[in-house]
Amino acid sequence: MFQHGQPFSGFAVDDVAAAKRFYGETLGLTVSEEHGMLRLHLGGGADILVYPKPDHAPASFTILNFPVDDIDEAVAELTRRGVEFARYEGFEQDDRGIFRGGGPFIAWFTDPAGNVLSVLQER
């Protein structure tokens, strides 16, 4: 039953044009648009569907993680591109917003719709 095509995930935004600019220009991802929806084309052939939802409410959890080789370099570059990193109570984050506690090093940020994303570096 599930053997037809590559599975993919998706999430909602309240403004497709703003999402296209953010994911395509700010983050530098390959983005295509069809039928009023976006596809984020990620490494390894993975695609993410981004669809409009006028009454969108962002999730209270991370919806998309971007693995990086060097989190300090990634945070510096994203900051140069205008990305602001979030701070969360209960997480000891450094002055750039990077959490270096248990697990991978991670820094969170949001897209224009308020969806939580992260860059993370495995140790």
PDB file of N, CA and C in Angstrom:
ATOM      1  N   MET A   1       0.810  -1.199   0.000  1.00  0.00           N
ATOM      2  CA  MET A   1       0.000   0.000   0.000  1.00  0.00           C
ATOM      3  C   MET A   1       0.857   1.268   0.000  1.00  0.00           C
ATOM      4  N   PHE A   2       1.956   1.295   0.760  1.00  0.00           N
ATOM      5  CA  PHE A   2       2.762   2.511   0.864  1.00  0.00           C
ATOM      6  C   PHE A   2       4.027   2.449   0.015  1.00  0.00           C
ATOM      7  N   GLN A   3       4.045   1.651  -1.003  1.00  0.00           N
ATOM      8  CA  GLN A   3       5.250   1.474  -1.802  1.00  0.00           C
ATOM      9  C   GLN A   3       5.255   2.328  -3.063  1.00  0.00           C
ATOM     10  N   HIS A   4       4.296   3.218  -3.207  1.00  0.00           N
ATOM     11  CA  HIS A   4       4.210   4.057  -4.411  1.00  0.00           C
ATOM     12  C   HIS A   4       4.750   5.444  -4.108  1.00  0.00           C
ATOM     13  N   GLY A   5       5.972   5.702  -4.506  1.00  0.00           N
ATOM     14  CA  GLY A   5       6.555   7.024  -4.325  1.00  0.00           C
ATOM     15  C   GLY A   5       7.304   7.179  -3.015  1.00  0.00           C
ATOM     16  N   GLN A   6       8.013   8.268  -2.924  1.00  0.00           N
ATOM     17  CA  GLN A   6       8.822   8.627  -1.756  1.00  0.00           C
ATOM     18  C   GLN A   6       7.952   9.327  -0.727  1.00  0.00           C
ATOM     19  N   PRO A   7       7.895   8.841   0.515  1.00  0.00           N
ATOM     20  CA  PRO A   7       7.132   9.555   1.541  1.00  0.00           C
ATOM     21  C   PRO A   7       7.737  10.949   1.785  1.00  0.00           C
ATOM     22  N   PHE A   8       6.907  11.866   2.228  1.00  0.00           N
ATOM     23  CA  PHE A   8       7.392  13.204   2.529  1.00  0.00           C
ATOM     24  C   PHE A   8       6.566  13.779   3.669  1.00  0.00           C
ATOM     25  N   SER A   9       7.131  14.775   4.298  1.00  0.00           N
ATOM     26  CA  SER A   9       6.460  15.453   5.398  1.00  0.00           C
ATOM     27  C   SER A   9       5.994  16.819   4.923  1.00  0.00           C
ATOM     28  N   GLY A  10       5.198  17.476   5.742  1.00  0.00           N
ATOM     29  CA  GLY A  10       4.732  18.805   5.396  1.00  0.00           C
ATOM     30  C   GLY A  10       4.353  19.597   6.620  1.00  0.00           C
ATOM     31  N   PHE A  11       4.254  20.893   6.434  1.00  0.00           N
ATOM     32  CA  PHE A  11       3.808  21.780   7.504  1.00  0.00           C
ATOM     33  C   PHE A  11       3.157  23.012   6.899  1.00  0.00           C
ATOM     34  N   ALA A  12       2.407  23.708   7.727  1.00  0.00           N
ATOM     35  CA  ALA A  12       1.636  24.865   7.270  1.00  0.00           C
ATOM     36  C   ALA A  12       2.359  26.179   7.547  1.00  0.00           C
ATOM     37  N   VAL A  13       2.003  27.183   6.743  1.00  0.00           N
ATOM     38  CA  VAL A  13       2.432  28.564   6.946  1.00  0.00           C
ATOM     39  C   VAL A  13       1.230  29.461   6.667  1.00  0.00           C
ATOM     40  N   ASP A  14       1.298  30.682   7.145  1.00  0.00           N
ATOM     41  CA  ASP A  14       0.201  31.615   6.881  1.00  0.00           C
ATOM     42  C   ASP A  14       0.460  32.504   5.670  1.00  0.00           C
ATOM     43  N   ASP A  15       1.685  32.476   5.128  1.00  0.00           N
ATOM     44  CA  ASP A  15       2.046  33.332   4.000  1.00  0.00           C
ATOM     45  C   ASP A  15       3.056  32.579   3.129  1.00  0.00           C
ATOM     46  N   VAL A  16       2.590  32.016   2.025  1.00  0.00           N
ATOM     47  CA  VAL A  16       3.447  31.206   1.160  1.00  0.00           C
ATOM     48  C   VAL A  16       4.568  32.046   0.547  1.00  0.00           C
ATOM     49  N   ALA A  17       4.281  33.278   0.146  1.00  0.00           N
ATOM     50  CA  ALA A  17       5.305  34.134  -0.463  1.00  0.00           C
ATOM     51  C   ALA A  17       6.433  34.432   0.526  1.00  0.00           C
ATOM     52  N   ALA A  18       6.087  34.731   1.775  1.00  0.00           N
ATOM     53  CA  ALA A  18       7.112  34.981   2.799  1.00  0.00           C
ATOM     54  C   ALA A  18       7.927  33.718   3.067  1.00  0.00           C
ATOM     55  N   ALA A  19       7.258  32.576   3.092  1.00  0.00           N
ATOM     56  CA  ALA A  19       7.960  31.306   3.302  1.00  0.00           C
ATOM     57  C   ALA A  19       8.920  31.031   2.140  1.00  0.00           C
ATOM     58  N   LYS A  20       8.479  31.310   0.920  1.00  0.00           N
ATOM     59  CA  LYS A  20       9.338  31.079  -0.247  1.00  0.00           C
ATOM     60  C   LYS A  20      10.595  31.937  -0.171  1.00  0.00           C
ATOM     61  N   ARG A  21      10.450  33.206   0.196  1.00  0.00           N
ATOM     62  CA  ARG A  21      11.617  34.088   0.342  1.00  0.00           C
ATOM     63  C   ARG A  21      12.544  33.579   1.442  1.00  0.00           C
ATOM     64  N   PHE A  22      11.970  33.208   2.581  1.00  0.00           N
ATOM     65  CA  PHE A  22      12.777  32.774   3.711  1.00  0.00           C
ATOM     66  C   PHE A  22      13.550  31.491   3.396  1.00  0.00           C
ATOM     67  N   TYR A  23      12.828  30.470   2.944  1.00  0.00           N
ATOM     68  CA  TYR A  23      13.481  29.189   2.695  1.00  0.00           C
ATOM     69  C   TYR A  23      14.403  29.239   1.488  1.00  0.00           C
ATOM     70  N   GLY A  24      14.014  29.969   0.453  1.00  0.00           N
ATOM     71  CA  GLY A  24      14.826  30.044  -0.746  1.00  0.00           C
ATOM     72  C   GLY A  24      15.981  31.024  -0.652  1.00  0.00           C
ATOM     73  N   GLU A  25      15.692  32.245  -0.200  1.00  0.00           N
ATOM     74  CA  GLU A  25      16.723  33.288  -0.182  1.00  0.00           C
ATOM     75  C   GLU A  25      17.515  33.291   1.118  1.00  0.00           C
ATOM     76  N   THR A  26      16.841  33.330   2.254  1.00  0.00           N
ATOM     77  CA  THR A  26      17.551  33.420   3.533  1.00  0.00           C
ATOM     78  C   THR A  26      18.298  32.129   3.848  1.00  0.00           C
ATOM     79  N   LEU A  27      17.609  30.987   3.737  1.00  0.00           N
ATOM     80  CA  LEU A  27      18.264  29.717   4.053  1.00  0.00           C
ATOM     81  C   LEU A  27      19.010  29.121   2.867  1.00  0.00           C
ATOM     82  N   GLY A  28      18.700  29.555   1.654  1.00  0.00           N
ATOM     83  CA  GLY A  28      19.415  29.077   0.474  1.00  0.00           C
ATOM     84  C   GLY A  28      19.007  27.682   0.010  1.00  0.00           C
ATOM     85  N   LEU A  29      17.797  27.251   0.359  1.00  0.00           N
ATOM     86  CA  LEU A  29      17.311  25.947  -0.084  1.00  0.00           C
ATOM     87  C   LEU A  29      16.733  26.045  -1.493  1.00  0.00           C
ATOM     88  N   THR A  30      16.701  24.935  -2.182  1.00  0.00           N
ATOM     89  CA  THR A  30      16.021  24.878  -3.467  1.00  0.00           C
ATOM     90  C   THR A  30      14.531  24.744  -3.181  1.00  0.00           C
ATOM     91  N   VAL A  31      13.743  25.667  -3.728  1.00  0.00           N
ATOM     92  CA  VAL A  31      12.302  25.726  -3.461  1.00  0.00           C
ATOM     93  C   VAL A  31      11.567  25.766  -4.797  1.00  0.00           C
ATOM     94  N   SER A  32      10.519  24.965  -4.916  1.00  0.00           N
ATOM     95  CA  SER A  32       9.657  25.055  -6.093  1.00  0.00           C
ATOM     96  C   SER A  32       8.239  25.325  -5.617  1.00  0.00           C
ATOM     97  N   GLU A  33       7.443  25.879  -6.520  1.00  0.00           N
ATOM     98  CA  GLU A  33       6.065  26.240  -6.175  1.00  0.00           C
ATOM     99  C   GLU A  33       5.120  25.677  -7.225  1.00  0.00           C
ATOM    100  N   GLU A  34       4.043  25.067  -6.741  1.00  0.00           N
ATOM    101  CA  GLU A  34       3.037  24.525  -7.640  1.00  0.00           C
ATOM    102  C   GLU A  34       1.710  24.457  -6.893  1.00  0.00           C
ATOM    103  N   HIS A  35       0.646  24.878  -7.543  1.00  0.00           N
ATOM    104  CA  HIS A  35      -0.707  24.839  -6.969  1.00  0.00           C
ATOM    105  C   HIS A  35      -0.800  25.612  -5.652  1.00  0.00           C
ATOM    106  N   GLY A  36      -0.031  26.700  -5.538  1.00  0.00           N
ATOM    107  CA  GLY A  36      -0.083  27.520  -4.328  1.00  0.00           C
ATOM    108  C   GLY A  36       0.635  26.930  -3.134  1.00  0.00           C
ATOM    109  N   MET A  37       1.405  25.863  -3.359  1.00  0.00           N
ATOM    110  CA  MET A  37       2.176  25.238  -2.285  1.00  0.00           C
ATOM    111  C   MET A  37       3.641  25.208  -2.672  1.00  0.00           C
ATOM    112  N   LEU A  38       4.499  25.064  -1.671  1.00  0.00           N
ATOM    113  CA  LEU A  38       5.942  24.987  -1.906  1.00  0.00           C
ATOM    114  C   LEU A  38       6.435  23.574  -1.659  1.00  0.00           C
ATOM    115  N   ARG A  39       7.528  23.256  -2.306  1.00  0.00           N
ATOM    116  CA  ARG A  39       8.294  22.053  -1.979  1.00  0.00           C
ATOM    117  C   ARG A  39       9.706  22.516  -1.666  1.00  0.00           C
ATOM    118  N   LEU A  40      10.186  22.127  -0.498  1.00  0.00           N
ATOM    119  CA  LEU A  40      11.570  22.356  -0.124  1.00  0.00           C
ATOM    120  C   LEU A  40      12.324  21.101  -0.530  1.00  0.00           C
ATOM    121  N   HIS A  41      13.303  21.255  -1.390  1.00  0.00           N
ATOM    122  CA  HIS A  41      14.077  20.116  -1.878  1.00  0.00           C
ATOM    123  C   HIS A  41      15.351  20.019  -1.046  1.00  0.00           C
ATOM    124  N   LEU A  42      15.403  19.004  -0.206  1.00  0.00           N
ATOM    125  CA  LEU A  42      16.509  18.826   0.723  1.00  0.00           C
ATOM    126  C   LEU A  42      17.446  17.733   0.223  1.00  0.00           C
ATOM    127  N   GLY A  43      18.590  17.605   0.866  1.00  0.00           N
ATOM    128  CA  GLY A  43      19.562  16.591   0.489  1.00  0.00           C
ATOM    129  C   GLY A  43      18.997  15.182   0.554  1.00  0.00           C
ATOM    130  N   GLY A  44      19.573  14.288  -0.216  1.00  0.00           N
ATOM    131  CA  GLY A  44      19.165  12.899  -0.208  1.00  0.00           C
ATOM    132  C   GLY A  44      17.836  12.641  -0.877  1.00  0.00           C
ATOM    133  N   GLY A  45      17.354  13.590  -1.663  1.00  0.00           N
ATOM    134  CA  GLY A  45      16.097  13.404  -2.371  1.00  0.00           C
ATOM    135  C   GLY A  45      14.859  13.643  -1.538  1.00  0.00           C
ATOM    136  N   ALA A  46      15.030  14.138  -0.327  1.00  0.00           N
ATOM    137  CA  ALA A  46      13.874  14.397   0.544  1.00  0.00           C
ATOM    138  C   ALA A  46      13.226  15.728   0.176  1.00  0.00           C
ATOM    139  N   ASP A  47      11.911  15.734   0.148  1.00  0.00           N
ATOM    140  CA  ASP A  47      11.137  16.948  -0.086  1.00  0.00           C
ATOM    141  C   ASP A  47      10.226  17.186   1.108  1.00  0.00           C
ATOM    142  N   ILE A  48       9.968  18.450   1.385  1.00  0.00           N
ATOM    143  CA  ILE A  48       9.023  18.856   2.423  1.00  0.00           C
ATOM    144  C   ILE A  48       7.965  19.713   1.746  1.00  0.00           C
ATOM    145  N   LEU A  49       6.707  19.415   1.991  1.00  0.00           N
ATOM    146  CA  LEU A  49       5.599  20.197   1.457  1.00  0.00           C
ATOM    147  C   LEU A  49       5.281  21.328   2.426  1.00  0.00           C
ATOM    148  N   VAL A  50       5.165  22.532   1.900  1.00  0.00           N
ATOM    149  CA  VAL A  50       4.785  23.699   2.702  1.00  0.00           C
ATOM    150  C   VAL A  50       3.492  24.232   2.097  1.00  0.00           C
ATOM    151  N   TYR A  51       2.433  24.240   2.885  1.00  0.00           N
ATOM    152  CA  TYR A  51       1.114  24.575   2.361  1.00  0.00           C
ATOM    153  C   TYR A  51       0.494  25.731   3.151  1.00  0.00           C
ATOM    154  N   PRO A  52      -0.376  26.500   2.498  1.00  0.00           N
ATOM    155  CA  PRO A  52      -0.995  27.641   3.174  1.00  0.00           C
ATOM    156  C   PRO A  52      -2.132  27.189   4.098  1.00  0.00           C
ATOM    157  N   LYS A  53      -2.227  27.875   5.213  1.00  0.00           N
ATOM    158  CA  LYS A  53      -3.329  27.645   6.152  1.00  0.00           C
ATOM    159  C   LYS A  53      -3.627  28.996   6.802  1.00  0.00           C
ATOM    160  N   PRO A  54      -4.704  29.649   6.398  1.00  0.00           N
ATOM    161  CA  PRO A  54      -4.982  31.011   6.871  1.00  0.00           C
ATOM    162  C   PRO A  54      -5.052  31.142   8.398  1.00  0.00           C
ATOM    163  N   ASP A  55      -5.567  30.129   9.093  1.00  0.00           N
ATOM    164  CA  ASP A  55      -5.655  30.207  10.555  1.00  0.00           C
ATOM    165  C   ASP A  55      -4.496  29.467  11.210  1.00  0.00           C
ATOM    166  N   HIS A  56      -3.367  29.438  10.522  1.00  0.00           N
ATOM    167  CA  HIS A  56      -2.162  28.727  10.985  1.00  0.00           C
ATOM    168  C   HIS A  56      -1.768  29.141  12.400  1.00  0.00           C
ATOM    169  N   ALA A  57      -1.451  28.155  13.205  1.00  0.00           N
ATOM    170  CA  ALA A  57      -0.857  28.366  14.528  1.00  0.00           C
ATOM    171  C   ALA A  57       0.423  27.553  14.551  1.00  0.00           C
ATOM    172  N   PRO A  58       1.571  28.182  14.791  1.00  0.00           N
ATOM    173  CA  PRO A  58       2.828  27.430  14.748  1.00  0.00           C
ATOM    174  C   PRO A  58       2.876  26.361  15.840  1.00  0.00           C
ATOM    175  N   ALA A  59       3.567  25.283  15.518  1.00  0.00           N
ATOM    176  CA  ALA A  59       3.755  24.210  16.497  1.00  0.00           C
ATOM    177  C   ALA A  59       4.636  24.705  17.638  1.00  0.00           C
ATOM    178  N   SER A  60       4.489  24.112  18.794  1.00  0.00           N
ATOM    179  CA  SER A  60       5.301  24.494  19.957  1.00  0.00           C
ATOM    180  C   SER A  60       6.550  23.621  20.053  1.00  0.00           C
ATOM    181  N   PHE A  61       6.905  22.963  18.975  1.00  0.00           N
ATOM    182  CA  PHE A  61       8.065  22.073  18.950  1.00  0.00           C
ATOM    183  C   PHE A  61       8.803  22.272  17.628  1.00  0.00           C
ATOM    184  N   THR A  62       9.996  21.732  17.544  1.00  0.00           N
ATOM    185  CA  THR A  62      10.806  21.852  16.336  1.00  0.00           C
ATOM    186  C   THR A  62      10.211  20.987  15.232  1.00  0.00           C
ATOM    187  N   ILE A  63       9.932  21.595  14.086  1.00  0.00           N
ATOM    188  CA  ILE A  63       9.340  20.839  12.977  1.00  0.00           C
ATOM    189  C   ILE A  63      10.368  20.395  11.946  1.00  0.00           C
ATOM    190  N   LEU A  64      11.549  21.035  11.935  1.00  0.00           N
ATOM    191  CA  LEU A  64      12.558  20.700  10.930  1.00  0.00           C
ATOM    192  C   LEU A  64      13.941  20.996  11.493  1.00  0.00           C
ATOM    193  N   ASN A  65      14.819  19.996  11.452  1.00  0.00           N
ATOM    194  CA  ASN A  65      16.198  20.120  11.936  1.00  0.00           C
ATOM    195  C   ASN A  65      17.158  20.048  10.753  1.00  0.00           C
ATOM    196  N   PHE A  66      18.137  20.934  10.745  1.00  0.00           N
ATOM    197  CA  PHE A  66      19.154  20.936   9.703  1.00  0.00           C
ATOM    198  C   PHE A  66      20.491  20.526  10.320  1.00  0.00           C
ATOM    199  N   PRO A  67      20.976  19.305  10.040  1.00  0.00           N
ATOM    200  CA  PRO A  67      22.287  18.902  10.548  1.00  0.00           C
ATOM    201  C   PRO A  67      23.387  19.728   9.878  1.00  0.00           C
ATOM    202  N   VAL A  68      24.368  20.148  10.668  1.00  0.00           N
ATOM    203  CA  VAL A  68      25.501  20.920  10.153  1.00  0.00           C
ATOM    204  C   VAL A  68      26.790  20.339  10.710  1.00  0.00           C
ATOM    205  N   ASP A  69      27.885  20.559   9.997  1.00  0.00           N
ATOM    206  CA  ASP A  69      29.191  20.092  10.466  1.00  0.00           C
ATOM    207  C   ASP A  69      29.745  20.974  11.573  1.00  0.00           C
ATOM    208  N   ASP A  70      29.490  22.283  11.491  1.00  0.00           N
ATOM    209  CA  ASP A  70      30.037  23.245  12.446  1.00  0.00           C
ATOM    210  C   ASP A  70      28.930  24.215  12.842  1.00  0.00           C
ATOM    211  N   ILE A  71      28.381  24.032  14.029  1.00  0.00           N
ATOM    212  CA  ILE A  71      27.244  24.864  14.447  1.00  0.00           C
ATOM    213  C   ILE A  71      27.639  26.320  14.618  1.00  0.00           C
ATOM    214  N   ASP A  72      28.858  26.581  15.082  1.00  0.00           N
ATOM    215  CA  ASP A  72      29.290  27.970  15.246  1.00  0.00           C
ATOM    216  C   ASP A  72      29.309  28.694  13.901  1.00  0.00           C
ATOM    217  N   GLU A  73      29.825  28.021  12.894  1.00  0.00           N
ATOM    218  CA  GLU A  73      29.860  28.604  11.552  1.00  0.00           C
ATOM    219  C   GLU A  73      28.445  28.794  10.997  1.00  0.00           C
ATOM    220  N   ALA A  74      27.584  27.804  11.194  1.00  0.00           N
ATOM    221  CA  ALA A  74      26.206  27.890  10.690  1.00  0.00           C
ATOM    222  C   ALA A  74      25.439  29.030  11.357  1.00  0.00           C
ATOM    223  N   VAL A  75      25.563  29.156  12.665  1.00  0.00           N
ATOM    224  CA  VAL A  75      24.870  30.226  13.389  1.00  0.00           C
ATOM    225  C   VAL A  75      25.400  31.592  12.955  1.00  0.00           C
ATOM    226  N   ALA A  76      26.707  31.702  12.780  1.00  0.00           N
ATOM    227  CA  ALA A  76      27.288  32.973  12.331  1.00  0.00           C
ATOM    228  C   ALA A  76      26.761  33.352  10.952  1.00  0.00           C
ATOM    229  N   GLU A  77      26.715  32.392  10.026  1.00  0.00           N
ATOM    230  CA  GLU A  77      26.233  32.673   8.669  1.00  0.00           C
ATOM    231  C   GLU A  77      24.751  33.021   8.669  1.00  0.00           C
ATOM    232  N   LEU A  78      23.951  32.263   9.402  1.00  0.00           N
ATOM    233  CA  LEU A  78      22.513  32.560   9.454  1.00  0.00           C
ATOM    234  C   LEU A  78      22.255  33.917  10.110  1.00  0.00           C
ATOM    235  N   THR A  79      23.028  34.262  11.117  1.00  0.00           N
ATOM    236  CA  THR A  79      22.897  35.575  11.755  1.00  0.00           C
ATOM    237  C   THR A  79      23.202  36.674  10.740  1.00  0.00           C
ATOM    238  N   ARG A  80      24.256  36.483   9.930  1.00  0.00           N
ATOM    239  CA  ARG A  80      24.585  37.455   8.868  1.00  0.00           C
ATOM    240  C   ARG A  80      23.433  37.598   7.876  1.00  0.00           C
ATOM    241  N   ARG A  81      22.666  36.526   7.688  1.00  0.00           N
ATOM    242  CA  ARG A  81      21.535  36.550   6.750  1.00  0.00           C
ATOM    243  C   ARG A  81      20.253  37.069   7.393  1.00  0.00           C
ATOM    244  N   GLY A  82      20.338  37.495   8.649  1.00  0.00           N
ATOM    245  CA  GLY A  82      19.189  38.108   9.308  1.00  0.00           C
ATOM    246  C   GLY A  82      18.375  37.189  10.196  1.00  0.00           C
ATOM    247  N   VAL A  83      18.802  35.942  10.372  1.00  0.00           N
ATOM    248  CA  VAL A  83      18.080  35.000  11.233  1.00  0.00           C
ATOM    249  C   VAL A  83      18.366  35.335  12.695  1.00  0.00           C
ATOM    250  N   GLU A  84      17.318  35.360  13.489  1.00  0.00           N
ATOM    251  CA  GLU A  84      17.466  35.573  14.933  1.00  0.00           C
ATOM    252  C   GLU A  84      17.229  34.258  15.644  1.00  0.00           C
ATOM    253  N   PHE A  85      18.094  33.938  16.583  1.00  0.00           N
ATOM    254  CA  PHE A  85      18.007  32.665  17.290  1.00  0.00           C
ATOM    255  C   PHE A  85      17.191  32.817  18.564  1.00  0.00           C
ATOM    256  N   ALA A  86      16.364  31.815  18.816  1.00  0.00           N
ATOM    257  CA  ALA A  86      15.436  31.824  19.956  1.00  0.00           C
ATOM    258  C   ALA A  86      16.148  31.360  21.218  1.00  0.00           C
ATOM    259  N   ARG A  87      15.612  31.803  22.330  1.00  0.00           N
ATOM    260  CA  ARG A  87      16.098  31.354  23.638  1.00  0.00           C
ATOM    261  C   ARG A  87      14.928  30.723  24.371  1.00  0.00           C
ATOM    262  N   TYR A  88      15.208  29.618  25.021  1.00  0.00           N
ATOM    263  CA  TYR A  88      14.165  28.881  25.719  1.00  0.00           C
ATOM    264  C   TYR A  88      14.534  28.701  27.177  1.00  0.00           C
ATOM    265  N   GLU A  89      13.573  28.959  28.030  1.00  0.00           N
ATOM    266  CA  GLU A  89      13.757  28.789  29.464  1.00  0.00           C
ATOM    267  C   GLU A  89      14.109  27.328  29.757  1.00  0.00           C
ATOM    268  N   GLY A  90      15.065  27.144  30.645  1.00  0.00           N
ATOM    269  CA  GLY A  90      15.477  25.802  31.021  1.00  0.00           C
ATOM    270  C   GLY A  90      16.636  25.256  30.198  1.00  0.00           C
ATOM    271  N   PHE A  91      17.061  25.998  29.171  1.00  0.00           N
ATOM    272  CA  PHE A  91      18.201  25.589  28.356  1.00  0.00           C
ATOM    273  C   PHE A  91      19.296  26.633  28.511  1.00  0.00           C
ATOM    274  N   GLU A  92      20.467  26.203  28.925  1.00  0.00           N
ATOM    275  CA  GLU A  92      21.596  27.121  29.051  1.00  0.00           C
ATOM    276  C   GLU A  92      22.221  27.309  27.678  1.00  0.00           C
ATOM    277  N   GLN A  93      21.864  28.417  27.038  1.00  0.00           N
ATOM    278  CA  GLN A  93      22.367  28.726  25.712  1.00  0.00           C
ATOM    279  C   GLN A  93      23.432  29.809  25.809  1.00  0.00           C
ATOM    280  N   ASP A  94      24.424  29.741  24.925  1.00  0.00           N
ATOM    281  CA  ASP A  94      25.477  30.755  24.950  1.00  0.00           C
ATOM    282  C   ASP A  94      24.955  32.071  24.369  1.00  0.00           C
ATOM    283  N   ASP A  95      25.835  33.053  24.243  1.00  0.00           N
ATOM    284  CA  ASP A  95      25.421  34.392  23.803  1.00  0.00           C
ATOM    285  C   ASP A  95      24.879  34.406  22.374  1.00  0.00           C
ATOM    286  N   ARG A  96      25.143  33.362  21.590  1.00  0.00           N
ATOM    287  CA  ARG A  96      24.609  33.275  20.224  1.00  0.00           C
ATOM    288  C   ARG A  96      23.369  32.408  20.142  1.00  0.00           C
ATOM    289  N   GLY A  97      22.958  31.810  21.273  1.00  0.00           N
ATOM    290  CA  GLY A  97      21.752  30.993  21.290  1.00  0.00           C
ATOM    291  C   GLY A  97      21.997  29.504  21.127  1.00  0.00           C
ATOM    292  N   ILE A  98      23.255  29.073  21.214  1.00  0.00           N
ATOM    293  CA  ILE A  98      23.583  27.656  21.027  1.00  0.00           C
ATOM    294  C   ILE A  98      23.515  26.925  22.370  1.00  0.00           C
ATOM    295  N   PHE A  99      22.775  25.837  22.391  1.00  0.00           N
ATOM    296  CA  PHE A  99      22.694  24.964  23.565  1.00  0.00           C
ATOM    297  C   PHE A  99      23.728  23.861  23.391  1.00  0.00           C
ATOM    298  N   ARG A 100      24.603  23.722  24.387  1.00  0.00           N
ATOM    299  CA  ARG A 100      25.687  22.740  24.314  1.00  0.00           C
ATOM    300  C   ARG A 100      25.589  21.718  25.442  1.00  0.00           C
ATOM    301  N   GLY A 101      24.369  21.491  25.933  1.00  0.00           N
ATOM    302  CA  GLY A 101      24.153  20.520  27.000  1.00  0.00           C
ATOM    303  C   GLY A 101      24.163  19.109  26.446  1.00  0.00           C
ATOM    304  N   GLY A 102      23.391  18.215  27.061  1.00  0.00           N
ATOM    305  CA  GLY A 102      23.334  16.831  26.607  1.00  0.00           C
ATOM    306  C   GLY A 102      22.806  16.721  25.198  1.00  0.00           C
ATOM    307  N   GLY A 103      23.286  15.720  24.477  1.00  0.00           N
ATOM    308  CA  GLY A 103      22.851  15.526  23.094  1.00  0.00           C
ATOM    309  C   GLY A 103      23.625  16.404  22.138  1.00  0.00           C
ATOM    310  N   PRO A 104      23.081  16.600  20.938  1.00  0.00           N
ATOM    311  CA  PRO A 104      23.793  17.422  19.956  1.00  0.00           C
ATOM    312  C   PRO A 104      23.781  18.897  20.362  1.00  0.00           C
ATOM    313  N   PHE A 105      24.758  19.650  19.859  1.00  0.00           N
ATOM    314  CA  PHE A 105      24.718  21.101  19.985  1.00  0.00           C
ATOM    315  C   PHE A 105      23.566  21.559  19.100  1.00  0.00           C
ATOM    316  N   ILE A 106      22.756  22.506  19.579  1.00  0.00           N
ATOM    317  CA  ILE A 106      21.570  22.896  18.816  1.00  0.00           C
ATOM    318  C   ILE A 106      21.260  24.373  19.024  1.00  0.00           C
ATOM    319  N   ALA A 107      20.757  25.013  17.983  1.00  0.00           N
ATOM    320  CA  ALA A 107      20.298  26.400  18.056  1.00  0.00           C
ATOM    321  C   ALA A 107      18.981  26.490  17.292  1.00  0.00           C
ATOM    322  N   TRP A 108      17.988  27.114  17.908  1.00  0.00           N
ATOM    323  CA  TRP A 108      16.654  27.186  17.338  1.00  0.00           C
ATOM    324  C   TRP A 108      16.357  28.554  16.751  1.00  0.00           C
ATOM    325  N   PHE A 109      15.544  28.579  15.716  1.00  0.00           N
ATOM    326  CA  PHE A 109      15.076  29.822  15.101  1.00  0.00           C
ATOM    327  C   PHE A 109      13.709  29.547  14.496  1.00  0.00           C
ATOM    328  N   THR A 110      13.028  30.591  14.051  1.00  0.00           N
ATOM    329  CA  THR A 110      11.693  30.402  13.482  1.00  0.00           C
ATOM    330  C   THR A 110      11.640  30.928  12.045  1.00  0.00           C
ATOM    331  N   ASP A 111      10.699  30.380  11.304  1.00  0.00           N
ATOM    332  CA  ASP A 111      10.429  30.907   9.969  1.00  0.00           C
ATOM    333  C   ASP A 111       9.424  32.054  10.112  1.00  0.00           C
ATOM    334  N   PRO A 112       9.058  32.741   9.038  1.00  0.00           N
ATOM    335  CA  PRO A 112       8.134  33.875   9.158  1.00  0.00           C
ATOM    336  C   PRO A 112       6.764  33.517   9.740  1.00  0.00           C
ATOM    337  N   ALA A 113       6.368  32.247   9.674  1.00  0.00           N
ATOM    338  CA  ALA A 113       5.077  31.815  10.223  1.00  0.00           C
ATOM    339  C   ALA A 113       5.184  31.397  11.684  1.00  0.00           C
ATOM    340  N   GLY A 114       6.397  31.469  12.253  1.00  0.00           N
ATOM    341  CA  GLY A 114       6.588  31.095  13.652  1.00  0.00           C
ATOM    342  C   GLY A 114       6.911  29.636  13.873  1.00  0.00           C
ATOM    343  N   ASN A 115       7.064  28.859  12.803  1.00  0.00           N
ATOM    344  CA  ASN A 115       7.443  27.450  12.937  1.00  0.00           C
ATOM    345  C   ASN A 115       8.877  27.349  13.446  1.00  0.00           C
ATOM    346  N   VAL A 116       9.119  26.446  14.381  1.00  0.00           N
ATOM    347  CA  VAL A 116      10.438  26.303  14.996  1.00  0.00           C
ATOM    348  C   VAL A 116      11.302  25.360  14.156  1.00  0.00           C
ATOM    349  N   LEU A 117      12.500  25.835  13.832  1.00  0.00           N
ATOM    350  CA  LEU A 117      13.506  25.093  13.079  1.00  0.00           C
ATOM    351  C   LEU A 117      14.782  25.056  13.906  1.00  0.00           C
ATOM    352  N   SER A 118      15.723  24.214  13.530  1.00  0.00           N
ATOM    353  CA  SER A 118      16.996  24.226  14.232  1.00  0.00           C
ATOM    354  C   SER A 118      18.145  23.862  13.304  1.00  0.00           C
ATOM    355  N   VAL A 119      19.322  24.280  13.708  1.00  0.00           N
ATOM    356  CA  VAL A 119      20.558  23.720  13.179  1.00  0.00           C
ATOM    357  C   VAL A 119      21.158  22.923  14.331  1.00  0.00           C
ATOM    358  N   LEU A 120      21.689  21.756  14.021  1.00  0.00           N
ATOM    359  CA  LEU A 120      22.288  20.948  15.082  1.00  0.00           C
ATOM    360  C   LEU A 120      23.528  20.239  14.586  1.00  0.00           C
ATOM    361  N   GLN A 121      24.452  20.078  15.520  1.00  0.00           N
ATOM    362  CA  GLN A 121      25.724  19.434  15.235  1.00  0.00           C
ATOM    363  C   GLN A 121      25.870  18.242  16.166  1.00  0.00           C
ATOM    364  N   GLU A 122      25.970  17.046  15.572  1.00  0.00           N
ATOM    365  CA  GLU A 122      26.239  15.857  16.372  1.00  0.00           C
ATOM    366  C   GLU A 122      27.656  15.952  16.928  1.00  0.00           C
ATOM    367  N   ARG A 123      27.829  15.401  18.105  1.00  0.00           N
ATOM    368  CA  ARG A 123      29.180  15.445  18.697  1.00  0.00           C
ATOM    369  C   ARG A 123      29.971  14.238  18.338  1.00  0.00           C
TER     370      ARG A 123
END
